[in-house]
């Protein structure tokens, strides 16, 4: 069993930055690839980015996100990060971290993830 807890969300102006964190507990964090998803009001949950268990490989949903977001992890601290720059109003959503059933990426489907956090709200607005 893995427990995941996100933090770092909040209200930010367009063009601003936020860094989300996800702390894992309960088993060896380094056993799992990790991912970030987001869900905007009235929309389905969508994949954002993922990183391999050893932290050496990353994958993003699209190039426009790759240009602004960076996923990383610190296995020594059982923590996953998502650095988000140049934020836009359309980035407004609840952001979830998740642990995959595998170690390698890409892992883009929600069904491939076995543990989920509760989510943290990100609001981009002036």
Foldseek 3Di string as FASTA:
>chain_A
DKAKAKDFADEAAQQAKIKMKIAIDDDQLLQWKKFKWWDDPPGDIFGAKIAFSVFPDIDGPDPVSVVFWDWGDDSVRRMIMIIGGRDDQVVWTWMKMFTFPHGDDDDTDPVRTDDIYPTDTHGYHD
